[in-house]
Amino acid sequence: MHFNLKDYTTKADVLAAVDTIRYLGENTNTTGGLKVARLEVFDPDYEKRPNAERIIVLITDGVPTYDADKLDDEVATIKRMGIRIVGLGVTNKVCGYSIFKAALLMF
């Protein structure tokens, strides 16, 4: 993760932190990113706001290049936890199927 959500208390602070993330133009590890979010952000010891919405914002630049065969299982695990995924593509190489597949499987 590029920053720790525990370090920010306002929407403006989170948005400013997001603005510091730079596009590296490298590989796309959608499955790994979702797993990190599930294990680190939604870990019971980390999650201290029980009334907060449980949402992952999945920002991707294209087709998954690592562990793409494990994406469905990761999404299913997240779904069982009651977490919603919102997908956002940031380049013209985004594979609409893979990004929205993850988001749509949540409903």
N, C-alpha and C. Protein backbone atom coordinates (compact mmCIF):
# COMPACT_ATOMS: atom_id res chain seq x y z
N MET A 1 0.85 -1.18 0.00
CA MET A 1 0.00 0.00 0.00
C MET A 1 0.89 1.23 0.00
N HIS A 2 0.39 2.25 -0.63
CA HIS A 2 1.18 3.48 -0.74
C HIS A 2 1.08 4.35 0.50
N PHE A 3 0.01 4.18 1.27
CA PHE A 3 -0.13 4.93 2.51
C PHE A 3 -1.05 4.18 3.43
N ASN A 4 -0.98 4.51 4.70
CA ASN A 4 -1.77 3.83 5.71
C ASN A 4 -2.98 4.69 6.06
N LEU A 5 -4.18 4.14 5.91
CA LEU A 5 -5.40 4.92 6.18
C LEU A 5 -5.50 5.37 7.63
N LYS A 6 -4.80 4.69 8.53
CA LYS A 6 -4.83 5.10 9.94
C LYS A 6 -4.19 6.47 10.14
N ASP A 7 -3.37 6.89 9.17
CA ASP A 7 -2.66 8.16 9.29
C ASP A 7 -3.50 9.37 8.92
N TYR A 8 -4.74 9.15 8.43
CA TYR A 8 -5.56 10.24 7.93
C TYR A 8 -6.94 10.23 8.59
N THR A 9 -7.43 11.41 8.89
CA THR A 9 -8.73 11.49 9.58
C THR A 9 -9.79 12.22 8.77
N THR A 10 -9.38 12.90 7.70
CA THR A 10 -10.37 13.63 6.90
C THR A 10 -10.31 13.17 5.45
N LYS A 11 -11.39 13.42 4.75
CA LYS A 11 -11.47 13.10 3.33
C LYS A 11 -10.38 13.86 2.57
N ALA A 12 -10.18 15.12 2.90
CA ALA A 12 -9.17 15.94 2.21
C ALA A 12 -7.77 15.35 2.38
N ASP A 13 -7.47 14.85 3.58
CA ASP A 13 -6.16 14.24 3.83
C ASP A 13 -5.97 12.98 2.99
N VAL A 14 -7.00 12.16 2.90
CA VAL A 14 -6.92 10.93 2.10
C VAL A 14 -6.74 11.28 0.63
N LEU A 15 -7.52 12.23 0.13
CA LEU A 15 -7.40 12.63 -1.27
C LEU A 15 -6.02 13.20 -1.58
N ALA A 16 -5.46 13.95 -0.66
CA ALA A 16 -4.11 14.50 -0.85
C ALA A 16 -3.08 13.36 -0.90
N ALA A 17 -3.27 12.35 -0.08
CA ALA A 17 -2.36 11.20 -0.10
C ALA A 17 -2.49 10.43 -1.41
N VAL A 18 -3.70 10.26 -1.89
CA VAL A 18 -3.92 9.57 -3.17
C VAL A 18 -3.22 10.34 -4.29
N ASP A 19 -3.25 11.65 -4.23
CA ASP A 19 -2.61 12.47 -5.27
C ASP A 19 -1.10 12.26 -5.33
N THR A 20 -0.49 11.75 -4.27
CA THR A 20 0.96 11.52 -4.27
C THR A 20 1.35 10.20 -4.92
N ILE A 21 0.37 9.32 -5.19
CA ILE A 21 0.67 8.03 -5.81
C ILE A 21 0.99 8.25 -7.28
N ARG A 22 2.11 7.73 -7.71
CA ARG A 22 2.54 7.90 -9.09
C ARG A 22 2.34 6.61 -9.87
N TYR A 23 1.91 6.76 -11.10
CA TYR A 23 1.74 5.62 -12.01
C TYR A 23 3.11 5.14 -12.46
N LEU A 24 3.41 3.88 -12.22
CA LEU A 24 4.72 3.34 -12.53
C LEU A 24 4.80 2.70 -13.92
N GLY A 25 3.63 2.36 -14.48
CA GLY A 25 3.63 1.77 -15.81
C GLY A 25 4.22 0.37 -15.84
N GLU A 26 4.10 -0.34 -14.75
CA GLU A 26 4.68 -1.68 -14.66
C GLU A 26 3.58 -2.73 -14.76
N ASN A 27 3.77 -3.84 -14.10
CA ASN A 27 2.82 -4.94 -14.13
C ASN A 27 1.59 -4.65 -13.30
N THR A 28 0.53 -5.43 -13.53
CA THR A 28 -0.74 -5.22 -12.84
C THR A 28 -1.06 -6.43 -11.99
N ASN A 29 -0.97 -6.26 -10.68
CA ASN A 29 -1.21 -7.36 -9.74
C ASN A 29 -2.54 -7.12 -9.02
N THR A 30 -3.63 -7.26 -9.74
CA THR A 30 -4.96 -7.02 -9.19
C THR A 30 -5.24 -7.95 -8.02
N THR A 31 -4.95 -9.23 -8.19
CA THR A 31 -5.20 -10.20 -7.14
C THR A 31 -4.41 -9.86 -5.89
N GLY A 32 -3.14 -9.55 -6.06
CA GLY A 32 -2.28 -9.20 -4.93
C GLY A 32 -2.73 -7.94 -4.22
N GLY A 33 -3.16 -6.96 -5.00
CA GLY A 33 -3.65 -5.72 -4.39
C GLY A 33 -4.89 -5.94 -3.56
N LEU A 34 -5.81 -6.74 -4.08
CA LEU A 34 -7.02 -7.06 -3.32
C LEU A 34 -6.68 -7.84 -2.05
N LYS A 35 -5.72 -8.73 -2.16
CA LYS A 35 -5.32 -9.53 -0.99
C LYS A 35 -4.71 -8.64 0.09
N VAL A 36 -3.85 -7.71 -0.31
CA VAL A 36 -3.26 -6.77 0.65
C VAL A 36 -4.36 -5.97 1.34
N ALA A 37 -5.31 -5.48 0.56
CA ALA A 37 -6.42 -4.72 1.16
C ALA A 37 -7.19 -5.58 2.16
N ARG A 38 -7.47 -6.82 1.77
CA ARG A 38 -8.23 -7.72 2.66
C ARG A 38 -7.46 -8.00 3.94
N LEU A 39 -6.17 -8.29 3.83
CA LEU A 39 -5.39 -8.68 5.01
C LEU A 39 -4.95 -7.52 5.88
N GLU A 40 -4.67 -6.37 5.25
CA GLU A 40 -4.13 -5.24 6.03
C GLU A 40 -5.18 -4.21 6.40
N VAL A 41 -6.03 -3.85 5.46
CA VAL A 41 -7.02 -2.81 5.74
C VAL A 41 -8.20 -3.36 6.53
N PHE A 42 -8.62 -4.57 6.22
CA PHE A 42 -9.80 -5.13 6.87
C PHE A 42 -9.45 -6.16 7.93
N ASP A 43 -8.21 -6.18 8.37
CA ASP A 43 -7.79 -7.03 9.47
C ASP A 43 -8.50 -6.55 10.74
N PRO A 44 -9.02 -7.45 11.57
CA PRO A 44 -9.75 -7.04 12.78
C PRO A 44 -8.95 -6.14 13.71
N ASP A 45 -7.63 -6.32 13.78
CA ASP A 45 -6.81 -5.47 14.64
C ASP A 45 -6.64 -4.08 14.06
N TYR A 46 -6.73 -3.97 12.75
CA TYR A 46 -6.56 -2.69 12.08
C TYR A 46 -7.85 -1.89 12.06
N GLU A 47 -8.93 -2.60 11.82
CA GLU A 47 -10.22 -1.94 11.62
C GLU A 47 -10.79 -1.46 12.96
N LYS A 48 -10.75 -0.18 13.19
CA LYS A 48 -11.21 0.39 14.46
C LYS A 48 -12.49 1.21 14.30
N ARG A 49 -13.06 1.23 13.10
CA ARG A 49 -14.28 2.00 12.86
C ARG A 49 -15.39 1.04 12.43
N PRO A 50 -16.08 0.44 13.38
CA PRO A 50 -17.07 -0.59 13.05
C PRO A 50 -18.25 -0.08 12.23
N ASN A 51 -18.54 1.20 12.24
CA ASN A 51 -19.68 1.73 11.50
C ASN A 51 -19.30 2.26 10.11
N ALA A 52 -18.02 2.18 9.76
CA ALA A 52 -17.56 2.66 8.46
C ALA A 52 -17.97 1.68 7.36
N GLU A 53 -18.23 2.21 6.17
CA GLU A 53 -18.52 1.36 5.01
C GLU A 53 -17.32 0.49 4.71
N ARG A 54 -17.56 -0.73 4.33
CA ARG A 54 -16.50 -1.68 3.99
C ARG A 54 -16.38 -1.72 2.46
N ILE A 55 -15.49 -0.88 1.94
CA ILE A 55 -15.34 -0.71 0.50
C ILE A 55 -13.85 -0.74 0.13
N ILE A 56 -13.55 -1.44 -0.96
CA ILE A 56 -12.22 -1.39 -1.56
C ILE A 56 -12.36 -0.63 -2.87
N VAL A 57 -11.53 0.38 -3.06
CA VAL A 57 -11.49 1.08 -4.34
C VAL A 57 -10.33 0.46 -5.12
N LEU A 58 -10.67 -0.27 -6.16
CA LEU A 58 -9.69 -0.97 -6.99
C LEU A 58 -9.32 -0.08 -8.16
N ILE A 59 -8.10 0.44 -8.14
CA ILE A 59 -7.60 1.30 -9.22
C ILE A 59 -6.64 0.46 -10.04
N THR A 60 -6.91 0.35 -11.34
CA THR A 60 -6.07 -0.50 -12.18
C THR A 60 -5.77 0.16 -13.51
N ASP A 61 -4.65 -0.29 -14.10
CA ASP A 61 -4.24 0.23 -15.40
C ASP A 61 -4.43 -0.78 -16.51
N GLY A 62 -4.96 -1.94 -16.22
CA GLY A 62 -5.16 -2.91 -17.29
C GLY A 62 -5.43 -4.32 -16.83
N VAL A 63 -5.09 -5.25 -17.69
CA VAL A 63 -5.33 -6.66 -17.47
C VAL A 63 -4.38 -7.18 -16.39
N PRO A 64 -4.89 -7.97 -15.43
CA PRO A 64 -4.00 -8.54 -14.41
C PRO A 64 -2.88 -9.36 -15.04
N THR A 65 -1.65 -9.18 -14.55
CA THR A 65 -0.50 -9.92 -15.07
C THR A 65 0.07 -10.91 -14.07
N TYR A 66 -0.33 -10.83 -12.82
CA TYR A 66 0.11 -11.77 -11.78
C TYR A 66 -1.11 -12.45 -11.17
N ASP A 67 -1.03 -13.74 -10.99
CA ASP A 67 -2.07 -14.51 -10.29
C ASP A 67 -3.49 -14.22 -10.78
N ALA A 68 -3.63 -13.97 -12.08
CA ALA A 68 -4.96 -13.69 -12.64
C ALA A 68 -5.89 -14.87 -12.42
N ASP A 69 -5.35 -16.08 -12.38
CA ASP A 69 -6.17 -17.27 -12.17
C ASP A 69 -6.71 -17.37 -10.75
N LYS A 70 -6.18 -16.56 -9.85
CA LYS A 70 -6.64 -16.56 -8.45
C LYS A 70 -7.58 -15.40 -8.12
N LEU A 71 -7.86 -14.54 -9.12
CA LEU A 71 -8.68 -13.36 -8.90
C LEU A 71 -10.08 -13.72 -8.43
N ASP A 72 -10.72 -14.69 -9.07
CA ASP A 72 -12.09 -15.07 -8.68
C ASP A 72 -12.15 -15.52 -7.23
N ASP A 73 -11.17 -16.30 -6.79
CA ASP A 73 -11.16 -16.79 -5.41
C ASP A 73 -10.97 -15.63 -4.42
N GLU A 74 -10.10 -14.69 -4.76
CA GLU A 74 -9.86 -13.55 -3.87
C GLU A 74 -11.11 -12.69 -3.76
N VAL A 75 -11.77 -12.45 -4.89
CA VAL A 75 -13.01 -11.68 -4.88
C VAL A 75 -14.07 -12.39 -4.05
N ALA A 76 -14.18 -13.71 -4.19
CA ALA A 76 -15.16 -14.47 -3.42
C ALA A 76 -14.88 -14.37 -1.91
N THR A 77 -13.61 -14.42 -1.54
CA THR A 77 -13.23 -14.28 -0.12
C THR A 77 -13.64 -12.91 0.40
N ILE A 78 -13.38 -11.88 -0.38
CA ILE A 78 -13.73 -10.51 0.02
C ILE A 78 -15.25 -10.38 0.12
N LYS A 79 -15.97 -10.97 -0.80
CA LYS A 79 -17.43 -10.92 -0.79
C LYS A 79 -17.98 -11.56 0.49
N ARG A 80 -17.42 -12.69 0.87
CA ARG A 80 -17.87 -13.36 2.11
C ARG A 80 -17.65 -12.49 3.34
N MET A 81 -16.70 -11.58 3.27
CA MET A 81 -16.42 -10.67 4.39
C MET A 81 -17.37 -9.46 4.38
N GLY A 82 -18.23 -9.36 3.36
CA GLY A 82 -19.16 -8.24 3.29
C GLY A 82 -18.52 -6.95 2.81
N ILE A 83 -17.44 -7.06 2.07
CA ILE A 83 -16.73 -5.90 1.55
C ILE A 83 -17.11 -5.69 0.09
N ARG A 84 -17.39 -4.46 -0.28
CA ARG A 84 -17.76 -4.10 -1.65
C ARG A 84 -16.53 -3.59 -2.40
N ILE A 85 -16.42 -3.92 -3.68
CA ILE A 85 -15.32 -3.44 -4.52
C ILE A 85 -15.87 -2.45 -5.53
N VAL A 86 -15.23 -1.29 -5.63
CA VAL A 86 -15.56 -0.29 -6.64
C VAL A 86 -14.35 -0.21 -7.55
N GLY A 87 -14.56 -0.42 -8.86
CA GLY A 87 -13.45 -0.43 -9.81
C GLY A 87 -13.28 0.88 -10.53
N LEU A 88 -12.01 1.26 -10.76
CA LEU A 88 -11.67 2.48 -11.48
C LEU A 88 -10.50 2.19 -12.40
N GLY A 89 -10.72 2.33 -13.71
CA GLY A 89 -9.65 2.15 -14.68
C GLY A 89 -8.98 3.48 -14.98
N VAL A 90 -7.64 3.47 -15.09
CA VAL A 90 -6.91 4.73 -15.26
C VAL A 90 -6.13 4.86 -16.57
N THR A 91 -6.22 3.86 -17.45
CA THR A 91 -5.59 3.98 -18.77
C THR A 91 -6.53 3.40 -19.82
N ASN A 92 -6.15 3.58 -21.08
CA ASN A 92 -6.96 3.01 -22.15
C ASN A 92 -6.69 1.51 -22.33
N LYS A 93 -5.83 0.93 -21.51
CA LYS A 93 -5.52 -0.49 -21.57
C LYS A 93 -6.34 -1.31 -20.58
N VAL A 94 -7.23 -0.68 -19.87
CA VAL A 94 -8.01 -1.38 -18.87
C VAL A 94 -8.89 -2.42 -19.53
N CYS A 95 -8.82 -3.60 -19.00
CA CYS A 95 -9.68 -4.68 -19.49
C CYS A 95 -10.98 -4.57 -18.70
N GLY A 96 -12.00 -4.01 -19.31
CA GLY A 96 -13.27 -3.81 -18.63
C GLY A 96 -13.80 -5.05 -17.98
N TYR A 97 -13.59 -6.18 -18.61
CA TYR A 97 -14.09 -7.43 -18.05
C TYR A 97 -13.46 -7.71 -16.69
N SER A 98 -12.14 -7.63 -16.58
CA SER A 98 -11.49 -8.03 -15.33
C SER A 98 -11.78 -7.06 -14.19
N ILE A 99 -11.76 -5.77 -14.46
CA ILE A 99 -12.00 -4.81 -13.39
C ILE A 99 -13.45 -4.86 -12.92
N PHE A 100 -14.36 -4.90 -13.87
CA PHE A 100 -15.76 -4.89 -13.49
C PHE A 100 -16.24 -6.26 -13.05
N LYS A 101 -15.57 -7.29 -13.51
CA LYS A 101 -15.87 -8.64 -13.03
C LYS A 101 -15.67 -8.68 -11.52
N ALA A 102 -14.57 -8.13 -11.05
CA ALA A 102 -14.31 -8.11 -9.61
C ALA A 102 -15.37 -7.31 -8.87
N ALA A 103 -15.75 -6.16 -9.42
CA ALA A 103 -16.75 -5.34 -8.76
C ALA A 103 -18.13 -5.97 -8.81
N LEU A 104 -18.51 -6.51 -9.94
CA LEU A 104 -19.86 -7.06 -10.09
C LEU A 104 -20.07 -8.34 -9.31
N LEU A 105 -19.03 -9.11 -9.11
CA LEU A 105 -19.17 -10.33 -8.33
C LEU A 105 -19.54 -10.04 -6.88
N MET A 106 -19.41 -8.79 -6.50
CA MET A 106 -19.68 -8.42 -5.11
C MET A 106 -21.17 -8.30 -4.82
N PHE A 107 -22.01 -8.22 -5.82
CA PHE A 107 -23.44 -7.99 -5.58
C PHE A 107 -24.23 -9.25 -5.70
